[in-house]
N, C-alpha and C. Protein backbone atom coordinates (compact mmCIF):
# COMPACT_ATOMS: atom_id res chain seq x y z
N MET A 1 -1.67 47.59 -28.76
CA MET A 1 -1.66 46.02 -28.46
C MET A 1 -2.59 45.51 -29.16
N PRO A 2 -2.25 44.40 -30.11
CA PRO A 2 -3.33 43.67 -30.70
C PRO A 2 -4.26 42.88 -29.72
N LEU A 3 -5.64 42.82 -29.92
CA LEU A 3 -6.63 42.09 -29.08
C LEU A 3 -6.49 40.62 -29.70
N VAL A 4 -6.09 39.58 -28.49
CA VAL A 4 -5.91 38.33 -28.77
C VAL A 4 -6.79 37.64 -27.73
N THR A 5 -7.51 36.53 -28.11
CA THR A 5 -8.15 35.84 -27.12
C THR A 5 -7.24 35.07 -26.14
N PRO A 6 -7.47 35.01 -25.01
CA PRO A 6 -6.59 34.32 -23.90
C PRO A 6 -6.82 32.83 -24.09
N TRP A 7 -7.84 32.23 -24.73
CA TRP A 7 -8.45 30.85 -24.78
C TRP A 7 -7.25 29.69 -25.20
N PRO A 8 -6.63 29.92 -26.15
CA PRO A 8 -5.52 29.16 -26.53
C PRO A 8 -4.50 28.86 -25.22
N GLY A 9 -4.10 29.78 -24.73
CA GLY A 9 -3.07 29.63 -23.53
C GLY A 9 -3.86 28.77 -22.36
N VAL A 10 -5.02 29.39 -22.04
CA VAL A 10 -5.81 28.94 -21.12
C VAL A 10 -6.08 27.42 -21.32
N ARG A 11 -6.37 26.99 -22.45
CA ARG A 11 -6.84 25.48 -22.86
C ARG A 11 -5.56 24.65 -22.63
N GLN A 12 -4.29 25.17 -23.00
CA GLN A 12 -3.01 24.46 -22.92
C GLN A 12 -2.82 24.39 -21.25
N ALA A 13 -2.96 25.54 -20.56
CA ALA A 13 -2.60 25.35 -19.15
C ALA A 13 -3.60 24.17 -18.53
N LEU A 14 -4.80 24.33 -18.77
CA LEU A 14 -5.96 23.35 -18.22
C LEU A 14 -5.61 21.91 -18.59
N ILE A 15 -5.11 21.66 -19.90
CA ILE A 15 -4.92 20.33 -20.18
C ILE A 15 -3.39 19.77 -19.55
N ARG A 16 -2.53 20.55 -19.48
CA ARG A 16 -1.48 20.56 -18.77
C ARG A 16 -1.76 19.95 -17.17
N GLN A 17 -2.37 20.68 -16.65
CA GLN A 17 -2.81 20.43 -15.25
C GLN A 17 -3.56 19.17 -15.15
N LEU A 18 -4.61 18.89 -15.96
CA LEU A 18 -5.21 17.61 -16.03
C LEU A 18 -4.19 16.35 -16.23
N ARG A 19 -3.50 16.58 -17.04
CA ARG A 19 -2.40 15.51 -17.54
C ARG A 19 -1.27 15.22 -16.27
N SER A 20 -1.36 16.25 -15.57
CA SER A 20 -0.34 16.04 -14.34
C SER A 20 -0.82 15.16 -13.15
N ASN A 21 -2.03 14.99 -13.26
CA ASN A 21 -2.75 13.96 -12.22
C ASN A 21 -2.63 12.82 -12.98
N LEU A 22 -1.34 11.82 -12.07
CA LEU A 22 -1.19 10.61 -12.66
C LEU A 22 -2.35 9.55 -12.36
N VAL A 23 -3.08 9.73 -11.37
CA VAL A 23 -4.25 8.92 -11.03
C VAL A 23 -5.38 9.01 -12.33
N LEU A 24 -5.54 10.19 -12.49
CA LEU A 24 -6.45 10.64 -13.85
C LEU A 24 -6.06 9.97 -15.07
N GLU A 25 -4.67 10.33 -15.28
CA GLU A 25 -4.05 9.71 -16.29
C GLU A 25 -4.17 8.18 -16.48
N ALA A 26 -4.06 7.60 -15.50
CA ALA A 26 -4.02 5.98 -15.44
C ALA A 26 -5.60 5.83 -15.81
N GLY A 27 -6.67 6.45 -15.35
CA GLY A 27 -7.93 5.98 -15.49
C GLY A 27 -8.54 6.28 -16.89
N MET A 28 -7.80 7.15 -17.65
CA MET A 28 -8.03 7.59 -19.21
C MET A 28 -6.88 7.15 -19.99
N PRO A 29 -6.75 5.78 -20.34
CA PRO A 29 -5.94 5.44 -21.21
C PRO A 29 -5.54 6.19 -22.39
N GLY A 30 -4.43 6.70 -22.62
CA GLY A 30 -4.19 7.59 -23.81
C GLY A 30 -4.29 8.90 -23.27
N ASN A 31 -5.06 9.22 -22.03
CA ASN A 31 -5.46 10.76 -21.60
C ASN A 31 -6.02 11.47 -22.43
N ARG A 32 -7.05 10.98 -23.18
CA ARG A 32 -7.57 11.89 -24.24
C ARG A 32 -8.39 13.00 -23.72
N TRP A 33 -7.84 14.12 -24.08
CA TRP A 33 -8.76 15.42 -23.88
C TRP A 33 -9.03 16.13 -25.17
N GLY A 34 -10.14 16.51 -25.25
CA GLY A 34 -10.55 17.01 -26.59
C GLY A 34 -11.21 18.33 -26.37
N GLU A 35 -11.65 18.92 -27.55
CA GLU A 35 -12.18 20.17 -27.30
C GLU A 35 -13.63 20.16 -28.27
N GLY A 36 -14.51 20.73 -27.68
CA GLY A 36 -15.81 20.51 -28.40
C GLY A 36 -16.78 19.24 -28.03
N VAL A 37 -17.03 18.64 -29.13
CA VAL A 37 -18.01 17.37 -29.26
C VAL A 37 -17.10 16.29 -29.44
N ASP A 38 -17.62 15.13 -28.83
CA ASP A 38 -16.92 13.89 -29.21
C ASP A 38 -17.20 13.21 -30.44
N LEU A 39 -16.37 12.46 -31.13
CA LEU A 39 -16.86 12.09 -32.41
C LEU A 39 -17.34 10.50 -32.22
N GLN A 40 -17.81 9.95 -33.18
CA GLN A 40 -18.55 8.62 -32.95
C GLN A 40 -17.51 7.59 -32.84
N ASP A 41 -16.42 7.54 -33.45
CA ASP A 41 -15.44 6.22 -33.35
C ASP A 41 -14.23 6.70 -32.28
N THR A 42 -14.61 7.65 -31.41
CA THR A 42 -13.61 7.96 -30.23
C THR A 42 -13.47 6.95 -29.19
N ALA A 43 -12.42 6.43 -28.62
CA ALA A 43 -12.47 5.70 -27.79
C ALA A 43 -12.60 6.11 -26.38
N TYR A 44 -13.12 5.55 -25.41
CA TYR A 44 -13.58 5.99 -24.09
C TYR A 44 -12.99 5.42 -22.96
N PRO A 45 -12.70 6.01 -21.88
CA PRO A 45 -13.41 7.28 -21.60
C PRO A 45 -12.70 8.46 -22.06
N LEU A 46 -13.47 9.60 -22.28
CA LEU A 46 -12.89 10.81 -22.90
C LEU A 46 -13.35 12.00 -22.11
N GLY A 47 -12.43 12.84 -22.34
CA GLY A 47 -12.37 14.10 -21.54
C GLY A 47 -12.68 15.27 -22.45
N LEU A 48 -13.51 16.17 -22.39
CA LEU A 48 -13.94 17.32 -23.21
C LEU A 48 -13.77 18.68 -22.44
N ILE A 49 -13.30 19.49 -23.15
CA ILE A 49 -13.01 20.96 -22.57
C ILE A 49 -13.81 21.88 -23.57
N THR A 50 -14.74 22.57 -23.19
CA THR A 50 -15.72 23.44 -23.91
C THR A 50 -15.57 24.90 -23.44
N LEU A 51 -15.18 25.87 -24.40
CA LEU A 51 -15.19 27.47 -23.94
C LEU A 51 -16.48 27.90 -23.94
N HIS A 52 -16.86 28.57 -22.79
CA HIS A 52 -18.18 29.14 -22.69
C HIS A 52 -17.96 30.70 -23.13
N TYR A 53 -17.06 31.31 -22.49
CA TYR A 53 -16.83 32.82 -22.63
C TYR A 53 -15.52 33.12 -22.22
N ASP A 54 -14.87 34.41 -22.79
CA ASP A 54 -13.52 34.85 -22.42
C ASP A 54 -13.61 36.18 -22.77
N PRO A 55 -14.47 37.05 -22.02
CA PRO A 55 -14.36 38.59 -22.39
C PRO A 55 -12.93 39.11 -21.51
N VAL A 56 -12.60 40.07 -22.27
CA VAL A 56 -11.35 40.64 -21.74
C VAL A 56 -11.81 41.98 -21.12
N MET A 57 -11.23 42.40 -20.03
CA MET A 57 -11.81 43.84 -19.37
C MET A 57 -10.68 44.51 -19.14
N TYR A 58 -10.61 45.70 -19.40
CA TYR A 58 -9.41 46.60 -19.20
C TYR A 58 -9.63 47.76 -18.12
N ASP A 59 -8.43 47.88 -17.49
CA ASP A 59 -8.52 49.02 -16.35
C ASP A 59 -7.05 49.64 -16.53
N TRP A 60 -6.79 50.56 -15.71
CA TRP A 60 -5.62 51.48 -15.75
C TRP A 60 -4.51 50.59 -15.84
N SER A 61 -4.21 49.44 -15.00
CA SER A 61 -3.34 48.49 -14.78
C SER A 61 -2.98 47.49 -15.95
N GLY A 62 -3.78 47.37 -16.77
CA GLY A 62 -3.91 46.46 -17.91
C GLY A 62 -5.26 45.78 -18.26
N GLN A 63 -5.30 44.48 -18.53
CA GLN A 63 -6.33 43.84 -18.77
C GLN A 63 -6.61 42.58 -17.83
N VAL A 64 -7.83 42.25 -17.65
CA VAL A 64 -8.58 41.18 -16.93
C VAL A 64 -9.24 40.27 -18.00
N ALA A 65 -8.79 38.87 -17.89
CA ALA A 65 -9.64 38.11 -18.69
C ALA A 65 -10.16 37.02 -17.66
N MET A 66 -11.61 36.73 -17.89
CA MET A 66 -12.38 35.88 -17.13
C MET A 66 -12.78 34.73 -18.21
N VAL A 67 -12.36 33.58 -17.90
CA VAL A 67 -12.73 32.34 -19.02
C VAL A 67 -13.60 31.41 -18.18
N GLY A 68 -14.49 31.10 -18.70
CA GLY A 68 -15.48 30.10 -18.21
C GLY A 68 -15.37 28.83 -19.27
N VAL A 69 -15.44 27.93 -18.67
CA VAL A 69 -15.24 26.39 -19.36
C VAL A 69 -15.91 25.35 -18.91
N ASP A 70 -16.26 24.37 -19.63
CA ASP A 70 -16.98 23.26 -19.22
C ASP A 70 -15.64 22.08 -19.17
N VAL A 71 -15.54 21.10 -18.24
CA VAL A 71 -14.74 20.09 -18.26
C VAL A 71 -15.73 18.85 -17.93
N VAL A 72 -15.62 18.06 -18.99
CA VAL A 72 -16.52 16.84 -18.83
C VAL A 72 -15.89 15.61 -18.99
N VAL A 73 -16.25 14.43 -18.58
CA VAL A 73 -15.72 13.26 -18.65
C VAL A 73 -16.85 12.28 -19.16
N ILE A 74 -16.74 11.79 -20.24
CA ILE A 74 -17.77 10.83 -20.86
C ILE A 74 -17.03 9.32 -20.72
N SER A 75 -18.27 8.56 -20.11
CA SER A 75 -17.71 6.93 -20.06
C SER A 75 -18.79 6.11 -20.57
N LYS A 76 -18.59 5.19 -21.67
CA LYS A 76 -19.61 4.27 -22.09
C LYS A 76 -19.61 3.09 -21.11
N SER A 77 -18.91 2.90 -20.14
CA SER A 77 -19.02 1.59 -19.44
C SER A 77 -20.01 1.80 -18.28
N ASP A 78 -19.97 2.82 -17.64
CA ASP A 78 -20.94 2.96 -16.52
C ASP A 78 -20.67 4.47 -15.84
N MET A 79 -21.75 4.81 -15.18
CA MET A 79 -21.77 6.02 -14.50
C MET A 79 -20.40 6.28 -13.36
N GLY A 80 -20.45 5.15 -12.79
CA GLY A 80 -19.27 5.28 -11.60
C GLY A 80 -17.81 5.71 -12.18
N GLU A 81 -17.56 5.18 -13.40
CA GLU A 81 -16.19 5.48 -13.74
C GLU A 81 -16.13 7.11 -14.19
N ALA A 82 -17.18 7.30 -15.02
CA ALA A 82 -17.29 8.93 -15.27
C ALA A 82 -17.23 9.76 -13.95
N SER A 83 -18.01 9.32 -13.18
CA SER A 83 -17.96 10.10 -11.88
C SER A 83 -16.76 10.25 -11.26
N GLN A 84 -15.95 9.03 -11.23
CA GLN A 84 -14.61 8.94 -10.59
C GLN A 84 -13.66 9.74 -11.07
N LEU A 85 -13.66 9.61 -12.51
CA LEU A 85 -12.90 10.40 -13.37
C LEU A 85 -13.21 11.87 -13.19
N ALA A 86 -14.36 12.25 -13.30
CA ALA A 86 -14.89 13.75 -13.12
C ALA A 86 -14.43 14.24 -11.67
N GLN A 87 -14.32 13.46 -10.68
CA GLN A 87 -13.95 13.80 -9.47
C GLN A 87 -12.36 14.29 -9.40
N LEU A 88 -11.67 13.37 -10.17
CA LEU A 88 -10.17 13.49 -10.41
C LEU A 88 -9.83 14.64 -11.07
N ALA A 89 -10.73 15.17 -11.88
CA ALA A 89 -10.63 16.33 -12.98
C ALA A 89 -10.85 17.57 -11.97
N TYR A 90 -11.88 17.37 -11.24
CA TYR A 90 -12.21 18.44 -10.25
C TYR A 90 -11.01 18.79 -9.40
N THR A 91 -10.40 17.74 -8.62
CA THR A 91 -9.45 17.65 -7.53
C THR A 91 -8.25 18.36 -8.43
N SER A 92 -7.95 18.09 -9.62
CA SER A 92 -6.70 18.70 -10.39
C SER A 92 -6.98 20.17 -10.48
N LEU A 93 -8.10 20.59 -10.82
CA LEU A 93 -8.30 21.72 -11.39
C LEU A 93 -8.85 22.87 -10.33
N HIS A 94 -9.65 22.38 -9.14
CA HIS A 94 -10.23 23.46 -8.29
C HIS A 94 -9.05 24.02 -7.52
N ASP A 95 -9.18 25.38 -7.37
CA ASP A 95 -8.14 26.23 -6.53
C ASP A 95 -6.52 26.05 -7.38
N ALA A 96 -6.49 25.45 -8.27
CA ALA A 96 -5.26 25.23 -8.93
C ALA A 96 -4.60 26.62 -9.37
N ARG A 97 -3.48 26.99 -9.38
CA ARG A 97 -2.53 28.31 -10.00
C ARG A 97 -2.09 27.76 -11.14
N LEU A 98 -2.61 28.30 -12.37
CA LEU A 98 -2.07 27.73 -13.50
C LEU A 98 -1.28 28.73 -14.15
N THR A 99 -0.01 28.53 -15.10
CA THR A 99 0.83 29.34 -15.72
C THR A 99 0.28 29.33 -17.18
N VAL A 100 0.09 30.65 -17.55
CA VAL A 100 -0.49 30.84 -18.93
C VAL A 100 0.49 31.84 -19.46
N SER A 101 1.08 31.49 -20.63
CA SER A 101 2.03 32.49 -21.09
C SER A 101 1.65 33.80 -21.37
N GLY A 102 2.30 34.83 -21.00
CA GLY A 102 1.56 36.17 -21.15
C GLY A 102 0.77 36.63 -20.26
N GLN A 103 0.36 35.79 -19.01
CA GLN A 103 -0.51 36.17 -17.83
C GLN A 103 0.13 36.24 -16.79
N THR A 104 -0.54 37.05 -15.82
CA THR A 104 0.15 37.13 -14.67
C THR A 104 -0.11 35.99 -13.86
N SER A 105 -1.52 35.63 -13.62
CA SER A 105 -1.74 34.39 -12.97
C SER A 105 -3.18 33.94 -13.49
N LEU A 106 -3.46 32.52 -13.33
CA LEU A 106 -4.71 32.04 -13.49
C LEU A 106 -5.17 31.07 -12.33
N SER A 107 -6.30 31.29 -11.65
CA SER A 107 -6.81 30.68 -10.70
C SER A 107 -8.00 29.99 -11.18
N CYS A 108 -8.19 28.59 -10.84
CA CYS A 108 -9.55 27.80 -11.28
C CYS A 108 -10.42 27.86 -10.13
N ARG A 109 -11.60 27.84 -10.41
CA ARG A 109 -12.74 27.77 -9.27
C ARG A 109 -13.89 26.73 -10.03
N PHE A 110 -14.38 25.75 -9.20
CA PHE A 110 -15.45 24.99 -9.63
C PHE A 110 -16.70 25.74 -9.39
N MET A 111 -17.52 25.92 -10.48
CA MET A 111 -18.59 26.83 -10.27
C MET A 111 -20.00 25.90 -9.93
N SER A 112 -20.00 24.69 -10.57
CA SER A 112 -21.41 23.69 -10.40
C SER A 112 -20.96 22.36 -11.15
N GLY A 113 -21.80 21.42 -11.11
CA GLY A 113 -21.60 20.25 -11.59
C GLY A 113 -22.88 19.59 -12.08
N ILE A 114 -22.74 18.87 -13.12
CA ILE A 114 -24.13 18.28 -13.47
C ILE A 114 -23.84 16.63 -13.88
N SER A 115 -24.68 15.80 -13.79
CA SER A 115 -24.59 14.54 -14.08
C SER A 115 -25.67 14.09 -15.12
N LEU A 116 -25.29 13.74 -16.19
CA LEU A 116 -26.29 12.99 -17.28
C LEU A 116 -26.29 11.57 -17.15
N VAL A 117 -27.47 10.94 -16.99
CA VAL A 117 -27.47 9.51 -16.77
C VAL A 117 -28.60 9.14 -17.93
N ASP A 118 -28.37 8.10 -18.67
CA ASP A 118 -29.25 7.33 -19.56
C ASP A 118 -30.38 6.76 -18.86
N VAL A 119 -31.46 6.82 -19.16
CA VAL A 119 -32.49 5.79 -18.53
C VAL A 119 -32.86 4.61 -19.49
N ASP A 120 -33.23 3.61 -18.67
CA ASP A 120 -33.55 2.31 -19.62
C ASP A 120 -34.93 2.53 -20.04
N LYS A 121 -35.50 1.34 -20.61
CA LYS A 121 -36.63 1.68 -21.24
C LYS A 121 -38.10 1.80 -20.27
N GLU A 122 -37.57 1.31 -19.02
CA GLU A 122 -38.67 1.46 -17.90
C GLU A 122 -38.70 2.90 -17.32
N GLY A 123 -37.60 3.66 -17.82
CA GLY A 123 -37.71 5.11 -17.25
C GLY A 123 -36.72 5.14 -16.00
N LYS A 124 -36.01 4.20 -15.50
CA LYS A 124 -35.23 4.24 -14.53
C LYS A 124 -33.85 4.59 -14.77
C-alpha cells in the first residue's frame, strides 16, 4: 500500500463543510477559502486553512490519521465581522462528521481559539 498524505481529501471535506453553511457563505462574498497565507491583493473577508500535522499511525486493523489544522477568518473592516464569521466557521466544523474519500470517518473537534487585534498609535 503506498503511503499517501490524507491532507488533500481532508482539505476538500473541510472546505465543502464550510461552504455548506449558507449564512457563512453570505458573509464572505465569493466564499473565499485559501490555503496558507493571504496575498496582498486578495479581497476580504478571507478564510484560510493551514495544515499543522497529519501523522498516520498503523495498527492491526489499518491506519489512523490525526490531522491538525488552523481555520482563520481575516477581515480588514472590523474585528466584529471577523469574529462573527469565525464563529460561523466554528459552528460549521465543531463535531461535524465529514466524508473523506477512502476514509472511514472524520470527526472535527475545536481545540482552541485566538484573536489577533491591531493596536492603534496609543497602544489601545
